[in-house]
Amino acid sequence: MLPVIVMYDKSASIYVVKLLEELDDICKKNKISYSLYGKTAVSAITKHTIEDDCARIIMHNDDFTKLCKAMSKGKTLHKNL
């Protein structure tokens, strides 16, 4: 589950949060491990916000392969946008 996010005053960050929520759903359904990384992780943990127009995540290569396969099915893409 993603941390509770209080939105920063950037319209792009709204879409970043939506994409992270979708990524989280896909990863949970497919048992894929990932972590927020760098500035994204620091801001989510310390400020409970996403203050950027991009997100940084990290995962093992095997999990990335699983993610690509799950996303290629096309059923879960862009449901929140």
Protein backbone atom coordinates (compact mmCIF):
# COMPACT_ATOMS: atom_id res chain seq x y z
CA MET A 1 0.00 0.00 0.00
CA LEU A 2 1.32 3.43 -0.91
CA PRO A 3 1.68 6.00 1.88
CA VAL A 4 -1.06 8.59 2.29
CA ILE A 5 -0.16 11.39 -0.10
CA VAL A 6 -1.02 15.06 0.40
CA MET A 7 -0.80 16.66 -3.01
CA TYR A 8 1.80 19.30 -3.75
CA ASP A 9 0.68 22.30 -5.77
CA LYS A 10 1.79 20.94 -9.15
CA SER A 11 -0.78 19.65 -11.60
CA ALA A 12 1.67 17.12 -13.02
CA SER A 13 2.13 15.50 -9.62
CA ILE A 14 -1.56 14.48 -9.66
CA TYR A 15 -0.87 12.28 -12.67
CA VAL A 16 2.30 10.91 -11.08
CA VAL A 17 0.30 9.78 -8.05
CA LYS A 18 -2.35 8.19 -10.29
CA LEU A 19 0.32 6.34 -12.24
CA LEU A 20 1.97 5.17 -9.01
CA GLU A 21 -1.41 3.91 -7.77
CA GLU A 22 -1.90 1.99 -11.01
CA LEU A 23 1.63 0.59 -10.82
CA ASP A 24 0.96 -0.49 -7.24
CA ASP A 25 -2.24 -2.29 -8.29
CA ILE A 26 -0.48 -4.10 -11.14
CA CYS A 27 2.42 -5.10 -8.89
CA LYS A 28 0.14 -6.41 -6.15
CA LYS A 29 -1.94 -8.47 -8.58
CA ASN A 30 1.19 -9.99 -10.13
CA LYS A 31 3.29 -10.35 -6.94
CA ILE A 32 5.92 -7.92 -8.21
CA SER A 33 8.24 -6.19 -5.74
CA TYR A 34 9.32 -2.60 -6.27
CA SER A 35 10.39 0.37 -4.17
CA LEU A 36 10.20 4.09 -4.51
CA TYR A 37 13.69 5.46 -5.06
CA GLY A 38 15.63 8.66 -4.56
CA LYS A 39 13.74 11.94 -4.25
CA THR A 40 10.41 10.16 -4.72
CA ALA A 41 11.01 7.93 -1.69
CA VAL A 42 12.38 10.72 0.47
CA SER A 43 9.49 13.06 -0.27
CA ALA A 44 6.85 10.32 0.19
CA ILE A 45 8.30 9.29 3.55
CA THR A 46 9.26 12.65 5.05
CA LYS A 47 6.66 15.00 3.55
CA HIS A 48 3.86 12.60 2.51
CA THR A 49 3.85 14.27 -0.90
CA ILE A 50 5.02 13.77 -4.44
CA GLU A 51 6.62 17.07 -5.34
CA ASP A 52 7.80 16.30 -8.82
CA ASP A 53 6.53 15.62 -12.29
CA CYS A 54 8.16 12.19 -12.35
CA ALA A 55 8.52 9.18 -10.07
CA ARG A 56 11.58 7.09 -9.46
CA ILE A 57 11.09 3.39 -8.76
CA ILE A 58 13.49 0.47 -8.57
CA MET A 59 12.94 -3.28 -8.98
CA HIS A 60 14.87 -6.44 -9.72
CA ASN A 61 15.25 -7.47 -13.35
CA ASP A 62 12.99 -10.52 -12.88
CA ASP A 63 10.25 -8.30 -11.48
CA PHE A 64 10.69 -5.87 -14.37
CA THR A 65 10.17 -8.74 -16.80
CA LYS A 66 6.98 -9.73 -14.93
CA LEU A 67 5.80 -6.12 -15.03
CA CYS A 68 6.36 -5.91 -18.79
CA LYS A 69 4.36 -9.12 -19.30
CA ALA A 70 1.53 -7.89 -17.07
CA MET A 71 1.36 -4.55 -18.83
CA SER A 72 1.47 -6.12 -22.29
CA LYS A 73 -1.89 -7.75 -21.52
CA GLY A 74 -3.31 -4.22 -21.78
CA LYS A 75 -6.17 -4.78 -19.35
CA THR A 76 -4.72 -2.62 -16.59
CA LEU A 77 -3.23 0.25 -18.57
CA HIS A 78 -4.36 3.81 -17.83
CA LYS A 79 -7.48 2.92 -15.86
CA ASN A 80 -7.07 5.99 -13.63
CA LEU A 81 -6.31 8.55 -16.33
